[in-house]
Amino acid sequence: HSEENAVINCDSPRSVEKVAFVTHLPCVGCAKRLINLGNVKKVFYGEDYRVKDSIELLRSVGIEVAQLKE
């Protein structure tokens, strides 16, 4: 749940657009944290998470979600 640590340590104002790069697809809880951070535009992830419900949640609020492939 590295997203939680990133959100806690992010000192950018809500008005600044943000892009998140994470190792795994965020869980629903971390997706909610990213949404609440404000102005997150994209989330890029490497590996799938066992539950993929966060994809629809993030997209429903206008956040683009994409998996990075090698």
C-alpha atoms as a PDB file:
ATOM      1  CA  HIS A   1       0.000   0.000   0.000  1.00  0.00           C
ATOM      2  CA  SER A   2       2.699   2.451  -1.034  1.00  0.00           C
ATOM      3  CA  GLU A   3      -0.004   4.812  -2.279  1.00  0.00           C
ATOM      4  CA  GLU A   4      -0.905   5.656   1.308  1.00  0.00           C
ATOM      5  CA  ASN A   5       2.667   6.710   2.034  1.00  0.00           C
ATOM      6  CA  ALA A   6       2.820   8.736  -1.193  1.00  0.00           C
ATOM      7  CA  VAL A   7      -0.433  10.536  -0.334  1.00  0.00           C
ATOM      8  CA  ILE A   8       0.772  11.322   3.190  1.00  0.00           C
ATOM      9  CA  ASN A   9       4.044  12.752   1.877  1.00  0.00           C
ATOM     10  CA  CYS A  10       2.626  14.652  -1.085  1.00  0.00           C
ATOM     11  CA  ASP A  11       2.969  18.371  -0.430  1.00  0.00           C
ATOM     12  CA  SER A  12       1.594  19.554  -3.788  1.00  0.00           C
ATOM     13  CA  PRO A  13      -1.567  21.644  -3.628  1.00  0.00           C
ATOM     14  CA  ARG A  14      -4.810  20.069  -4.867  1.00  0.00           C
ATOM     15  CA  SER A  15      -4.656  22.375  -7.899  1.00  0.00           C
ATOM     16  CA  VAL A  16      -1.493  20.658  -9.205  1.00  0.00           C
ATOM     17  CA  GLU A  17      -2.149  17.764 -11.603  1.00  0.00           C
ATOM     18  CA  LYS A  18      -0.680  14.473 -10.451  1.00  0.00           C
ATOM     19  CA  VAL A  19       0.313  11.145 -12.032  1.00  0.00           C
ATOM     20  CA  ALA A  20       0.916   8.050  -9.893  1.00  0.00           C
ATOM     21  CA  PHE A  21       3.315   5.261 -10.847  1.00  0.00           C
ATOM     22  CA  VAL A  22       2.868   2.187  -8.639  1.00  0.00           C
ATOM     23  CA  THR A  23       4.171  -1.370  -8.697  1.00  0.00           C
ATOM     24  CA  HIS A  24       0.724  -2.989  -8.397  1.00  0.00           C
ATOM     25  CA  LEU A  25      -2.826  -1.971  -9.225  1.00  0.00           C
ATOM     26  CA  PRO A  26      -4.080  -0.057  -6.177  1.00  0.00           C
ATOM     27  CA  CYS A  27      -6.601  -1.752  -3.903  1.00  0.00           C
ATOM     28  CA  VAL A  28      -9.951   0.012  -3.445  1.00  0.00           C
ATOM     29  CA  GLY A  29      -8.773   1.677  -0.223  1.00  0.00           C
ATOM     30  CA  CYS A  30      -5.670   3.098  -1.871  1.00  0.00           C
ATOM     31  CA  ALA A  31      -7.701   4.152  -4.911  1.00  0.00           C
ATOM     32  CA  LYS A  32      -9.946   6.157  -2.576  1.00  0.00           C
ATOM     33  CA  ARG A  33      -6.880   7.791  -1.035  1.00  0.00           C
ATOM     34  CA  LEU A  34      -5.629   8.802  -4.477  1.00  0.00           C
ATOM     35  CA  ILE A  35      -9.057  10.217  -5.335  1.00  0.00           C
ATOM     36  CA  ASN A  36      -9.122  12.221  -2.105  1.00  0.00           C
ATOM     37  CA  LEU A  37      -5.626  13.556  -2.789  1.00  0.00           C
ATOM     38  CA  GLY A  38      -7.170  15.611  -5.549  1.00  0.00           C
ATOM     39  CA  ASN A  39      -6.340  16.238  -9.179  1.00  0.00           C
ATOM     40  CA  VAL A  40      -4.822  12.824  -9.874  1.00  0.00           C
ATOM     41  CA  LYS A  41      -5.107  12.422 -13.648  1.00  0.00           C
ATOM     42  CA  LYS A  42      -3.475   9.048 -14.298  1.00  0.00           C
ATOM     43  CA  VAL A  43      -2.427   5.904 -12.457  1.00  0.00           C
ATOM     44  CA  PHE A  44       0.138   3.639 -14.096  1.00  0.00           C
ATOM     45  CA  TYR A  45       0.800   0.232 -12.539  1.00  0.00           C
ATOM     46  CA  GLY A  46       3.035  -2.757 -13.268  1.00  0.00           C
ATOM     47  CA  GLU A  47       1.359  -5.848 -11.831  1.00  0.00           C
ATOM     48  CA  ASP A  48      -2.284  -6.751 -11.303  1.00  0.00           C
ATOM     49  CA  TYR A  49      -3.798  -6.883  -7.827  1.00  0.00           C
ATOM     50  CA  ARG A  50      -6.001  -9.867  -6.961  1.00  0.00           C
ATOM     51  CA  VAL A  51      -9.103  -7.638  -6.898  1.00  0.00           C
ATOM     52  CA  LYS A  52      -9.553  -5.237  -9.810  1.00  0.00           C
ATOM     53  CA  ASP A  53     -12.527  -3.221  -8.502  1.00  0.00           C
ATOM     54  CA  SER A  54     -10.360  -0.116  -8.195  1.00  0.00           C
ATOM     55  CA  ILE A  55     -10.086   0.220 -11.991  1.00  0.00           C
ATOM     56  CA  GLU A  56     -13.772   1.046 -12.360  1.00  0.00           C
ATOM     57  CA  LEU A  57     -13.722   3.248  -9.242  1.00  0.00           C
ATOM     58  CA  LEU A  58     -10.814   5.347 -10.525  1.00  0.00           C
ATOM     59  CA  ARG A  59     -12.258   5.599 -14.029  1.00  0.00           C
ATOM     60  CA  SER A  60     -15.669   6.612 -12.641  1.00  0.00           C
ATOM     61  CA  VAL A  61     -14.118   9.825 -11.308  1.00  0.00           C
ATOM     62  CA  GLY A  62     -12.122  10.532 -14.466  1.00  0.00           C
ATOM     63  CA  ILE A  63      -8.765   9.051 -13.512  1.00  0.00           C
ATOM     64  CA  GLU A  64      -7.078   7.176 -16.356  1.00  0.00           C
ATOM     65  CA  VAL A  65      -5.706   3.750 -15.386  1.00  0.00           C
ATOM     66  CA  ALA A  66      -3.112   1.905 -17.463  1.00  0.00           C
ATOM     67  CA  GLN A  67      -0.936  -1.130 -16.931  1.00  0.00           C
ATOM     68  CA  LEU A  68       2.693  -0.799 -17.959  1.00  0.00           C
ATOM     69  CA  LYS A  69       3.858  -3.776 -20.020  1.00  0.00           C
ATOM     70  CA  GLU A  70       7.414  -4.815 -20.773  1.00  0.00           C
END
